[in-house]
Amino acid sequence: MTIGAPTAFIRTSGCPLRCTYCDTPQAFEQGEQMGIDAILAKVAKLECRHVCLTGGEPLAQKDSTKLLERLLDQGYHVVLETNGAMPLDEMPCVENLTISMDIKCPSSGESGKMIFENIEILGPTDQLKFIVSDDADYEYAKEIIAKYEPKCEVIFTPVGGKEMKGLAEKVLKDRLNARVLPQLHKFIWGDEDNR
């Protein structure tokens, strides 16, 4: 949806999951305390129209909904990246908010912690994302899609974010209504820590 657009990233600390392939373990505990006004001031200096609230897991922070509301009130288009293990029932339903929710596949080690009822909350401007490591993950993702019939866009991304050809071929062969996307920052900056 906004891949490639200049975006201000707000990365929160803390996450209830410990995925085997996590690429941001520094977000488990590192970071600095900042109030909402300080965060908004920092975002404003970047002069981006788009903001991504990510983590860790942003919904693990008690003031994340207040931050979202303030960002939306200031006219930003906000993408909330959430891990699928936190309830979404209190999220504002507004035009300029996109919820990008993961469903953790078996290779993550955390697939048993998903709140599948969240899929019903996702609408046409949201996205459901599967990070796929192997054939078992791919088959699991297909089962979830068939069972819950999401009303939102479905995205497949390979673990590591780069090796896309095999995954794309599977999606095409199975005629899935899904996009295969890279983690663009991995192509641009590699594994640099760009906090």
N, C-alpha and C. Protein backbone atom coordinates (compact mmCIF):
# COMPACT_ATOMS: atom_id res chain seq x y z
N MET A 1 0.82 -1.20 0.00
CA MET A 1 0.00 0.00 0.00
C MET A 1 0.86 1.26 0.00
N THR A 2 1.78 1.34 0.94
CA THR A 2 2.64 2.52 0.98
C THR A 2 4.11 2.13 0.81
N ILE A 3 4.37 0.91 0.35
CA ILE A 3 5.75 0.47 0.20
C ILE A 3 6.49 1.42 -0.74
N GLY A 4 7.63 1.90 -0.28
CA GLY A 4 8.44 2.83 -1.05
C GLY A 4 8.18 4.29 -0.77
N ALA A 5 7.09 4.61 -0.10
CA ALA A 5 6.78 6.01 0.23
C ALA A 5 7.62 6.45 1.42
N PRO A 6 8.10 7.71 1.42
CA PRO A 6 8.81 8.20 2.60
C PRO A 6 7.92 8.06 3.84
N THR A 7 8.45 7.41 4.85
CA THR A 7 7.66 7.07 6.03
C THR A 7 8.47 7.28 7.30
N ALA A 8 7.84 7.88 8.29
CA ALA A 8 8.45 8.00 9.61
C ALA A 8 8.08 6.74 10.39
N PHE A 9 9.09 6.04 10.90
CA PHE A 9 8.87 4.83 11.68
C PHE A 9 8.97 5.15 13.17
N ILE A 10 7.96 4.72 13.90
CA ILE A 10 7.98 4.79 15.35
C ILE A 10 8.07 3.35 15.82
N ARG A 11 9.22 2.98 16.38
CA ARG A 11 9.42 1.60 16.83
C ARG A 11 9.32 1.56 18.35
N THR A 12 8.33 0.82 18.84
CA THR A 12 8.14 0.68 20.29
C THR A 12 8.96 -0.48 20.82
N SER A 13 9.27 -0.43 22.08
CA SER A 13 9.95 -1.53 22.76
C SER A 13 8.92 -2.47 23.35
N GLY A 14 9.35 -3.70 23.56
CA GLY A 14 8.51 -4.69 24.20
C GLY A 14 7.70 -5.49 23.21
N CYS A 15 7.67 -6.80 23.41
CA CYS A 15 6.88 -7.70 22.57
C CYS A 15 6.59 -8.97 23.36
N PRO A 16 5.34 -9.44 23.34
CA PRO A 16 5.02 -10.66 24.07
C PRO A 16 5.48 -11.93 23.34
N LEU A 17 5.91 -11.80 22.09
CA LEU A 17 6.33 -12.96 21.31
C LEU A 17 7.85 -13.02 21.19
N ARG A 18 8.35 -14.20 20.89
CA ARG A 18 9.78 -14.40 20.64
C ARG A 18 9.92 -15.29 19.40
N CYS A 19 9.61 -14.71 18.26
CA CYS A 19 9.67 -15.45 17.00
C CYS A 19 11.09 -15.91 16.72
N THR A 20 11.23 -17.10 16.19
CA THR A 20 12.55 -17.67 15.92
C THR A 20 13.35 -16.84 14.93
N TYR A 21 12.66 -16.13 14.04
CA TYR A 21 13.35 -15.37 12.99
C TYR A 21 13.28 -13.85 13.22
N CYS A 22 12.97 -13.43 14.43
CA CYS A 22 12.84 -12.00 14.71
C CYS A 22 14.06 -11.23 14.22
N ASP A 23 13.81 -10.16 13.46
CA ASP A 23 14.93 -9.36 12.95
C ASP A 23 15.12 -8.06 13.73
N THR A 24 14.37 -7.89 14.82
CA THR A 24 14.53 -6.69 15.65
C THR A 24 14.56 -7.05 17.13
N PRO A 25 15.45 -7.96 17.54
CA PRO A 25 15.48 -8.34 18.96
C PRO A 25 15.84 -7.16 19.87
N GLN A 26 16.47 -6.12 19.31
CA GLN A 26 16.78 -4.95 20.12
C GLN A 26 15.50 -4.29 20.64
N ALA A 27 14.38 -4.55 19.98
CA ALA A 27 13.12 -3.94 20.40
C ALA A 27 12.49 -4.67 21.60
N PHE A 28 13.08 -5.79 22.02
CA PHE A 28 12.55 -6.47 23.20
C PHE A 28 12.67 -5.59 24.43
N GLU A 29 13.82 -4.94 24.58
CA GLU A 29 14.04 -4.18 25.81
C GLU A 29 14.74 -2.84 25.62
N GLN A 30 15.42 -2.64 24.50
CA GLN A 30 16.15 -1.38 24.31
C GLN A 30 15.18 -0.26 23.96
N GLY A 31 15.67 0.95 24.01
CA GLY A 31 14.85 2.10 23.66
C GLY A 31 14.93 3.16 24.74
N GLU A 32 14.24 4.26 24.49
CA GLU A 32 14.21 5.35 25.46
C GLU A 32 12.77 5.74 25.72
N GLN A 33 12.49 6.16 26.93
CA GLN A 33 11.16 6.63 27.30
C GLN A 33 10.89 7.94 26.57
N MET A 34 9.74 8.04 25.94
CA MET A 34 9.33 9.28 25.28
C MET A 34 7.84 9.47 25.48
N GLY A 35 7.44 10.68 25.75
CA GLY A 35 6.02 11.00 25.84
C GLY A 35 5.44 11.20 24.45
N ILE A 36 4.13 11.22 24.37
CA ILE A 36 3.47 11.36 23.07
C ILE A 36 3.84 12.67 22.40
N ASP A 37 3.89 13.77 23.15
CA ASP A 37 4.23 15.07 22.53
C ASP A 37 5.64 15.05 21.94
N ALA A 38 6.57 14.42 22.64
CA ALA A 38 7.94 14.34 22.13
C ALA A 38 8.01 13.49 20.86
N ILE A 39 7.24 12.41 20.82
CA ILE A 39 7.21 11.56 19.63
C ILE A 39 6.64 12.34 18.46
N LEU A 40 5.55 13.05 18.69
CA LEU A 40 4.92 13.82 17.62
C LEU A 40 5.85 14.91 17.09
N ALA A 41 6.59 15.54 17.98
CA ALA A 41 7.54 16.58 17.55
C ALA A 41 8.63 15.98 16.67
N LYS A 42 9.12 14.81 17.05
CA LYS A 42 10.16 14.15 16.26
C LYS A 42 9.65 13.74 14.88
N VAL A 43 8.43 13.23 14.84
CA VAL A 43 7.82 12.84 13.57
C VAL A 43 7.62 14.06 12.68
N ALA A 44 7.16 15.16 13.26
CA ALA A 44 6.91 16.38 12.48
C ALA A 44 8.18 16.88 11.79
N LYS A 45 9.33 16.73 12.46
CA LYS A 45 10.60 17.18 11.87
C LYS A 45 10.97 16.39 10.62
N LEU A 46 10.48 15.17 10.48
CA LEU A 46 10.81 14.33 9.33
C LEU A 46 10.01 14.70 8.08
N GLU A 47 8.93 15.48 8.26
CA GLU A 47 8.11 15.97 7.16
C GLU A 47 7.65 14.86 6.22
N CYS A 48 7.19 13.76 6.81
CA CYS A 48 6.62 12.65 6.04
C CYS A 48 5.10 12.66 6.23
N ARG A 49 4.39 12.26 5.19
CA ARG A 49 2.94 12.16 5.27
C ARG A 49 2.51 10.82 5.90
N HIS A 50 3.40 9.83 5.79
CA HIS A 50 3.10 8.49 6.27
C HIS A 50 3.88 8.18 7.54
N VAL A 51 3.21 7.47 8.46
CA VAL A 51 3.85 7.04 9.70
C VAL A 51 3.56 5.56 9.88
N CYS A 52 4.57 4.82 10.28
CA CYS A 52 4.40 3.40 10.60
C CYS A 52 4.68 3.21 12.08
N LEU A 53 3.69 2.71 12.81
CA LEU A 53 3.86 2.41 14.23
C LEU A 53 4.10 0.92 14.33
N THR A 54 5.30 0.55 14.75
CA THR A 54 5.73 -0.83 14.73
C THR A 54 6.45 -1.16 16.03
N GLY A 55 7.09 -2.29 16.09
CA GLY A 55 7.74 -2.68 17.33
C GLY A 55 8.94 -3.56 17.08
N GLY A 56 9.16 -4.38 18.05
CA GLY A 56 8.36 -4.89 19.13
C GLY A 56 6.90 -5.05 18.71
N GLU A 57 6.06 -4.81 19.67
CA GLU A 57 4.61 -4.85 19.46
C GLU A 57 4.01 -3.58 20.04
N PRO A 58 3.58 -2.65 19.17
CA PRO A 58 3.07 -1.37 19.66
C PRO A 58 1.88 -1.50 20.61
N LEU A 59 1.02 -2.48 20.39
CA LEU A 59 -0.17 -2.60 21.24
C LEU A 59 0.15 -3.12 22.63
N ALA A 60 1.40 -3.49 22.87
CA ALA A 60 1.82 -3.87 24.22
C ALA A 60 2.07 -2.61 25.07
N GLN A 61 2.12 -1.45 24.44
CA GLN A 61 2.30 -0.18 25.15
C GLN A 61 0.94 0.40 25.52
N LYS A 62 0.76 0.79 26.77
CA LYS A 62 -0.55 1.23 27.23
C LYS A 62 -1.07 2.49 26.53
N ASP A 63 -0.19 3.34 26.04
CA ASP A 63 -0.63 4.58 25.40
C ASP A 63 -0.61 4.52 23.87
N SER A 64 -0.50 3.32 23.31
CA SER A 64 -0.41 3.23 21.85
C SER A 64 -1.67 3.74 21.15
N THR A 65 -2.85 3.47 21.72
CA THR A 65 -4.08 3.94 21.10
C THR A 65 -4.16 5.47 21.13
N LYS A 66 -3.71 6.07 22.24
CA LYS A 66 -3.69 7.54 22.33
C LYS A 66 -2.74 8.12 21.28
N LEU A 67 -1.57 7.49 21.12
CA LEU A 67 -0.61 7.95 20.11
C LEU A 67 -1.22 7.84 18.71
N LEU A 68 -1.86 6.71 18.43
CA LEU A 68 -2.51 6.54 17.13
C LEU A 68 -3.53 7.64 16.87
N GLU A 69 -4.36 7.90 17.85
CA GLU A 69 -5.40 8.92 17.69
C GLU A 69 -4.80 10.29 17.44
N ARG A 70 -3.73 10.63 18.15
CA ARG A 70 -3.09 11.93 17.95
C ARG A 70 -2.48 12.04 16.54
N LEU A 71 -1.82 10.97 16.10
CA LEU A 71 -1.25 10.96 14.75
C LEU A 71 -2.34 11.13 13.70
N LEU A 72 -3.43 10.41 13.86
CA LEU A 72 -4.54 10.50 12.91
C LEU A 72 -5.17 11.88 12.94
N ASP A 73 -5.32 12.47 14.13
CA ASP A 73 -5.88 13.82 14.26
C ASP A 73 -5.02 14.86 13.54
N GLN A 74 -3.71 14.58 13.47
CA GLN A 74 -2.81 15.52 12.80
C GLN A 74 -2.71 15.26 11.30
N GLY A 75 -3.51 14.34 10.79
CA GLY A 75 -3.61 14.15 9.36
C GLY A 75 -2.63 13.16 8.74
N TYR A 76 -1.89 12.44 9.55
CA TYR A 76 -0.98 11.44 9.00
C TYR A 76 -1.75 10.21 8.53
N HIS A 77 -1.23 9.56 7.51
CA HIS A 77 -1.70 8.21 7.18
C HIS A 77 -0.84 7.28 8.02
N VAL A 78 -1.48 6.48 8.86
CA VAL A 78 -0.76 5.64 9.81
C VAL A 78 -0.96 4.17 9.47
N VAL A 79 0.14 3.44 9.44
CA VAL A 79 0.10 1.98 9.35
C VAL A 79 0.51 1.45 10.71
N LEU A 80 -0.39 0.67 11.31
CA LEU A 80 -0.09 0.00 12.57
C LEU A 80 0.34 -1.42 12.24
N GLU A 81 1.59 -1.75 12.54
CA GLU A 81 2.08 -3.12 12.34
C GLU A 81 1.95 -3.86 13.66
N THR A 82 1.14 -4.92 13.66
CA THR A 82 0.88 -5.66 14.87
C THR A 82 1.05 -7.15 14.62
N ASN A 83 1.37 -7.89 15.67
CA ASN A 83 1.80 -9.27 15.50
C ASN A 83 0.69 -10.32 15.53
N GLY A 84 -0.55 -9.94 15.66
CA GLY A 84 -1.64 -10.90 15.64
C GLY A 84 -1.95 -11.53 16.98
N ALA A 85 -1.18 -11.20 18.00
CA ALA A 85 -1.39 -11.78 19.33
C ALA A 85 -2.02 -10.80 20.31
N MET A 86 -2.39 -9.62 19.81
CA MET A 86 -3.00 -8.60 20.65
C MET A 86 -4.39 -8.27 20.09
N PRO A 87 -5.39 -8.03 20.95
CA PRO A 87 -6.74 -7.74 20.44
C PRO A 87 -6.80 -6.40 19.70
N LEU A 88 -7.60 -6.38 18.64
CA LEU A 88 -7.75 -5.18 17.81
C LEU A 88 -9.10 -4.49 18.00
N ASP A 89 -9.92 -4.99 18.91
CA ASP A 89 -11.29 -4.49 19.00
C ASP A 89 -11.42 -3.03 19.43
N GLU A 90 -10.36 -2.41 19.94
CA GLU A 90 -10.44 -1.00 20.33
C GLU A 90 -9.78 -0.05 19.34
N MET A 91 -9.41 -0.57 18.17
CA MET A 91 -8.77 0.28 17.18
C MET A 91 -9.79 1.21 16.53
N PRO A 92 -9.40 2.49 16.33
CA PRO A 92 -10.32 3.39 15.64
C PRO A 92 -10.53 2.92 14.20
N CYS A 93 -11.74 3.07 13.69
CA CYS A 93 -12.06 2.68 12.32
C CYS A 93 -12.15 3.96 11.50
N VAL A 94 -11.01 4.37 10.95
CA VAL A 94 -10.95 5.61 10.18
C VAL A 94 -10.20 5.37 8.88
N GLU A 95 -10.45 6.24 7.95
CA GLU A 95 -9.92 6.09 6.59
C GLU A 95 -8.40 6.09 6.53
N ASN A 96 -7.74 6.90 7.33
CA ASN A 96 -6.29 7.03 7.20
C ASN A 96 -5.50 6.14 8.16
N LEU A 97 -6.13 5.06 8.64
CA LEU A 97 -5.44 4.06 9.44
C LEU A 97 -5.47 2.72 8.71
N THR A 98 -4.30 2.14 8.50
CA THR A 98 -4.18 0.80 7.93
C THR A 98 -3.61 -0.11 9.01
N ILE A 99 -4.30 -1.19 9.28
CA ILE A 99 -3.78 -2.19 10.20
C ILE A 99 -3.10 -3.27 9.37
N SER A 100 -1.83 -3.49 9.65
CA SER A 100 -1.06 -4.54 9.00
C SER A 100 -0.78 -5.60 10.06
N MET A 101 -1.56 -6.68 10.00
CA MET A 101 -1.49 -7.69 11.06
C MET A 101 -0.83 -8.96 10.54
N ASP A 102 0.12 -9.45 11.31
CA ASP A 102 0.74 -10.73 11.00
C ASP A 102 -0.12 -11.87 11.53
N ILE A 103 -0.04 -12.99 10.84
CA ILE A 103 -0.42 -14.28 11.40
C ILE A 103 0.89 -15.06 11.43
N LYS A 104 1.32 -15.39 12.61
CA LYS A 104 2.59 -16.11 12.74
C LYS A 104 2.41 -17.56 12.31
N CYS A 105 3.25 -17.98 11.39
CA CYS A 105 3.24 -19.34 10.87
C CYS A 105 4.03 -20.27 11.80
N PRO A 106 3.92 -21.59 11.62
CA PRO A 106 4.56 -22.52 12.54
C PRO A 106 6.06 -22.31 12.76
N SER A 107 6.81 -21.95 11.72
CA SER A 107 8.26 -21.80 11.90
C SER A 107 8.63 -20.68 12.86
N SER A 108 7.69 -19.78 13.13
CA SER A 108 7.95 -18.68 14.07
C SER A 108 8.07 -19.19 15.50
N GLY A 109 7.45 -20.33 15.77
CA GLY A 109 7.38 -20.84 17.14
C GLY A 109 6.28 -20.18 17.96
N GLU A 110 5.50 -19.29 17.34
CA GLU A 110 4.49 -18.52 18.07
C GLU A 110 3.09 -18.62 17.46
N SER A 111 2.87 -19.56 16.55
CA SER A 111 1.58 -19.65 15.87
C SER A 111 0.42 -19.93 16.83
N GLY A 112 0.69 -20.54 17.96
CA GLY A 112 -0.36 -20.85 18.93
C GLY A 112 -0.88 -19.65 19.69
N LYS A 113 -0.27 -18.49 19.51
CA LYS A 113 -0.67 -17.29 20.27
C LYS A 113 -1.51 -16.31 19.46
N MET A 114 -1.91 -16.68 18.25
CA MET A 114 -2.66 -15.77 17.39
C MET A 114 -4.11 -15.63 17.86
N ILE A 115 -4.64 -14.42 17.70
CA ILE A 115 -6.06 -14.15 17.98
C ILE A 115 -6.75 -14.07 16.61
N PHE A 116 -7.28 -15.20 16.17
CA PHE A 116 -7.84 -15.27 14.83
C PHE A 116 -9.10 -14.42 14.66
N GLU A 117 -9.78 -14.09 15.76
CA GLU A 117 -10.95 -13.21 15.66
C GLU A 117 -10.57 -11.83 15.11
N ASN A 118 -9.29 -11.46 15.25
CA ASN A 118 -8.84 -10.18 14.70
C ASN A 118 -9.05 -10.10 13.20
N ILE A 119 -8.98 -11.23 12.51
CA ILE A 119 -9.13 -11.22 11.05
C ILE A 119 -10.48 -10.64 10.65
N GLU A 120 -11.51 -10.89 11.46
CA GLU A 120 -12.85 -10.38 11.17
C GLU A 120 -12.92 -8.86 11.30
N ILE A 121 -12.01 -8.27 12.05
CA ILE A 121 -11.99 -6.82 12.26
C ILE A 121 -11.34 -6.11 11.07
N LEU A 122 -10.44 -6.80 10.39
CA LEU A 122 -9.72 -6.19 9.27
C LEU A 122 -10.65 -5.92 8.11
N GLY A 123 -10.51 -4.72 7.52
CA GLY A 123 -11.35 -4.33 6.39
C GLY A 123 -10.55 -4.11 5.12
N PRO A 124 -11.18 -3.59 4.09
CA PRO A 124 -10.56 -3.46 2.77
C PRO A 124 -9.28 -2.63 2.73
N THR A 125 -9.10 -1.71 3.66
CA THR A 125 -7.87 -0.89 3.65
C THR A 125 -6.77 -1.48 4.52
N ASP A 126 -7.02 -2.63 5.12
CA ASP A 126 -6.04 -3.27 6.00
C ASP A 126 -5.30 -4.38 5.25
N GLN A 127 -4.35 -5.01 5.94
CA GLN A 127 -3.63 -6.12 5.32
C GLN A 127 -3.32 -7.20 6.34
N LEU A 128 -3.36 -8.44 5.85
CA LEU A 128 -3.03 -9.61 6.64
C LEU A 128 -1.76 -10.18 6.06
N LYS A 129 -0.74 -10.34 6.91
CA LYS A 129 0.60 -10.67 6.42
C LYS A 129 1.07 -12.00 6.99
N PHE A 130 1.63 -12.82 6.11
CA PHE A 130 2.23 -14.09 6.50
C PHE A 130 3.71 -14.05 6.17
N ILE A 131 4.57 -14.25 7.17
CA ILE A 131 6.01 -14.37 6.95
C ILE A 131 6.27 -15.86 6.78
N VAL A 132 6.74 -16.25 5.58
CA VAL A 132 6.81 -17.65 5.21
C VAL A 132 8.26 -18.11 5.14
N SER A 133 8.54 -19.20 5.86
CA SER A 133 9.89 -19.75 5.91
C SER A 133 10.04 -21.00 5.06
N ASP A 134 8.98 -21.81 4.98
CA ASP A 134 9.10 -23.11 4.31
C ASP A 134 7.73 -23.56 3.80
N ASP A 135 7.67 -24.76 3.23
CA ASP A 135 6.42 -25.28 2.68
C ASP A 135 5.34 -25.43 3.75
N ALA A 136 5.72 -25.83 4.95
CA ALA A 136 4.73 -25.99 6.03
C ALA A 136 4.08 -24.64 6.36
N ASP A 137 4.87 -23.57 6.39
CA ASP A 137 4.32 -22.22 6.63
C ASP A 137 3.36 -21.83 5.51
N TYR A 138 3.76 -22.11 4.28
CA TYR A 138 2.94 -21.75 3.13
C TYR A 138 1.59 -22.48 3.19
N GLU A 139 1.62 -23.76 3.47
CA GLU A 139 0.37 -24.54 3.55
C GLU A 139 -0.50 -24.05 4.71
N TYR A 140 0.13 -23.69 5.82
CA TYR A 140 -0.59 -23.16 6.98
C TYR A 140 -1.29 -21.85 6.58
N ALA A 141 -0.58 -20.98 5.89
CA ALA A 141 -1.15 -19.70 5.46
C ALA A 141 -2.36 -19.94 4.55
N LYS A 142 -2.23 -20.87 3.62
CA LYS A 142 -3.36 -21.19 2.73
C LYS A 142 -4.57 -21.68 3.52
N GLU A 143 -4.34 -22.49 4.54
CA GLU A 143 -5.45 -22.98 5.38
C GLU A 143 -6.14 -21.84 6.11
N ILE A 144 -5.35 -20.92 6.65
CA ILE A 144 -5.93 -19.77 7.37
C ILE A 144 -6.76 -18.91 6.43
N ILE A 145 -6.24 -18.66 5.24
CA ILE A 145 -6.98 -17.85 4.26
C ILE A 145 -8.29 -18.53 3.89
N ALA A 146 -8.25 -19.83 3.63
CA ALA A 146 -9.47 -20.57 3.27
C ALA A 146 -10.48 -20.57 4.41
N LYS A 147 -10.01 -20.72 5.62
CA LYS A 147 -10.91 -20.81 6.77
C LYS A 147 -11.56 -19.48 7.11
N TYR A 148 -10.76 -18.38 7.10
CA TYR A 148 -11.26 -17.10 7.60
C TYR A 148 -11.68 -16.13 6.49
N GLU A 149 -11.34 -16.41 5.25
CA GLU A 149 -11.72 -15.57 4.11
C GLU A 149 -11.57 -14.08 4.42
N PRO A 150 -10.35 -13.61 4.63
CA PRO A 150 -10.15 -12.20 5.01
C PRO A 150 -10.71 -11.23 3.97
N LYS A 151 -11.26 -10.11 4.47
CA LYS A 151 -11.82 -9.07 3.61
C LYS A 151 -10.76 -8.03 3.24
N CYS A 152 -9.55 -8.27 3.66
CA CYS A 152 -8.47 -7.32 3.43
C CYS A 152 -7.45 -7.91 2.45
N GLU A 153 -6.48 -7.10 2.11
CA GLU A 153 -5.39 -7.56 1.26
C GLU A 153 -4.55 -8.58 2.02
N VAL A 154 -4.09 -9.62 1.31
CA VAL A 154 -3.24 -10.65 1.89
C VAL A 154 -1.84 -10.52 1.30
N ILE A 155 -0.85 -10.55 2.17
CA ILE A 155 0.54 -10.39 1.75
C ILE A 155 1.37 -11.57 2.24
N PHE A 156 2.20 -12.08 1.36
CA PHE A 156 3.18 -13.10 1.72
C PHE A 156 4.56 -12.47 1.60
N THR A 157 5.38 -12.66 2.60
CA THR A 157 6.76 -12.17 2.59
C THR A 157 7.65 -13.31 3.05
N PRO A 158 8.75 -13.55 2.32
CA PRO A 158 9.65 -14.61 2.78
C PRO A 158 10.44 -14.17 4.01
N VAL A 159 10.73 -15.14 4.90
CA VAL A 159 11.60 -14.85 6.04
C VAL A 159 12.90 -14.27 5.49
N GLY A 160 13.38 -13.20 6.08
CA GLY A 160 14.58 -12.54 5.59
C GLY A 160 14.25 -11.46 4.57
N GLY A 161 13.05 -11.52 4.00
CA GLY A 161 12.55 -10.44 3.17
C GLY A 161 13.06 -10.33 1.76
N LYS A 162 13.95 -11.23 1.30
CA LYS A 162 14.56 -11.04 -0.01
C LYS A 162 14.28 -12.13 -1.03
N GLU A 163 14.39 -13.38 -0.64
CA GLU A 163 14.29 -14.50 -1.59
C GLU A 163 12.83 -14.75 -1.94
N MET A 164 12.36 -14.11 -3.00
CA MET A 164 10.94 -14.09 -3.29
C MET A 164 10.50 -15.01 -4.42
N LYS A 165 11.40 -15.45 -5.28
CA LYS A 165 10.99 -16.16 -6.49
C LYS A 165 10.19 -17.43 -6.20
N GLY A 166 10.69 -18.30 -5.34
CA GLY A 166 10.00 -19.55 -5.04
C GLY A 166 8.62 -19.31 -4.46
N LEU A 167 8.52 -18.35 -3.55
CA LEU A 167 7.24 -18.02 -2.92
C LEU A 167 6.27 -17.46 -3.97
N ALA A 168 6.75 -16.58 -4.80
CA ALA A 168 5.91 -15.99 -5.85
C ALA A 168 5.39 -17.08 -6.80
N GLU A 169 6.25 -18.03 -7.15
CA GLU A 169 5.83 -19.12 -8.04
C GLU A 169 4.73 -19.97 -7.41
N LYS A 170 4.82 -20.22 -6.10
CA LYS A 170 3.77 -20.98 -5.42
C LYS A 170 2.44 -20.22 -5.43
N VAL A 171 2.50 -18.94 -5.13
CA VAL A 171 1.28 -18.11 -5.09
C VAL A 171 0.63 -18.09 -6.48
N LEU A 172 1.44 -17.96 -7.52
CA LEU A 172 0.90 -17.97 -8.89
C LEU A 172 0.31 -19.33 -9.24
N LYS A 173 1.03 -20.39 -8.92
CA LYS A 173 0.56 -21.75 -9.23
C LYS A 173 -0.78 -22.04 -8.55
N ASP A 174 -0.92 -21.60 -7.30
CA ASP A 174 -2.14 -21.85 -6.54
C ASP A 174 -3.22 -20.79 -6.78
N ARG A 175 -2.91 -19.80 -7.62
CA ARG A 175 -3.86 -18.73 -7.97
C ARG A 175 -4.44 -18.05 -6.73
N LEU A 176 -3.55 -17.78 -5.78
CA LEU A 176 -3.99 -17.10 -4.56
C LEU A 176 -4.17 -15.61 -4.83
N ASN A 177 -5.18 -15.05 -4.22
CA ASN A 177 -5.38 -13.61 -4.31
C ASN A 177 -4.53 -12.95 -3.22
N ALA A 178 -3.22 -12.90 -3.48
CA ALA A 178 -2.27 -12.40 -2.49
C ALA A 178 -1.12 -11.71 -3.21
N ARG A 179 -0.51 -10.77 -2.52
CA ARG A 179 0.68 -10.10 -3.03
C ARG A 179 1.90 -10.72 -2.38
N VAL A 180 2.98 -10.82 -3.13
CA VAL A 180 4.26 -11.27 -2.58
C VAL A 180 5.16 -10.04 -2.55
N LEU A 181 5.55 -9.65 -1.36
CA LEU A 181 6.32 -8.42 -1.20
C LEU A 181 7.62 -8.68 -0.44
N PRO A 182 8.65 -7.90 -0.77
CA PRO A 182 9.90 -7.98 -0.01
C PRO A 182 9.80 -7.11 1.23
N GLN A 183 10.81 -7.21 2.05
CA GLN A 183 11.02 -6.20 3.08
C GLN A 183 11.98 -5.21 2.41
N LEU A 184 11.43 -4.13 1.89
CA LEU A 184 12.19 -3.21 1.05
C LEU A 184 13.45 -2.69 1.75
N HIS A 185 13.36 -2.44 3.04
CA HIS A 185 14.52 -1.91 3.77
C HIS A 185 15.69 -2.89 3.73
N LYS A 186 15.42 -4.19 3.58
CA LYS A 186 16.51 -5.18 3.51
C LYS A 186 17.29 -5.02 2.20
N PHE A 187 16.60 -4.65 1.13
CA PHE A 187 17.28 -4.41 -0.14
C PHE A 187 18.07 -3.11 -0.10
N ILE A 188 17.52 -2.12 0.55
CA ILE A 188 18.18 -0.80 0.55
C ILE A 188 19.33 -0.74 1.56
N TRP A 189 19.06 -1.19 2.79
CA TRP A 189 20.05 -1.04 3.87
C TRP A 189 20.62 -2.35 4.38
N GLY A 190 20.17 -3.49 3.85
CA GLY A 190 20.67 -4.77 4.35
C GLY A 190 20.24 -4.99 5.78
N ASP A 191 21.15 -5.50 6.59
CA ASP A 191 20.83 -5.79 7.99
C ASP A 191 21.31 -4.69 8.94
N GLU A 192 21.56 -3.49 8.38
CA GLU A 192 21.95 -2.39 9.25
C GLU A 192 20.85 -2.10 10.25
N ASP A 193 21.23 -1.68 11.43
CA ASP A 193 20.28 -1.26 12.45
C ASP A 193 19.98 0.21 12.21
N ASN A 194 18.82 0.49 11.63
CA ASN A 194 18.49 1.86 11.23
C ASN A 194 17.49 2.51 12.16
N ARG A 195 17.76 2.44 13.45
CA ARG A 195 16.83 3.06 14.39
C ARG A 195 17.03 4.51 14.32
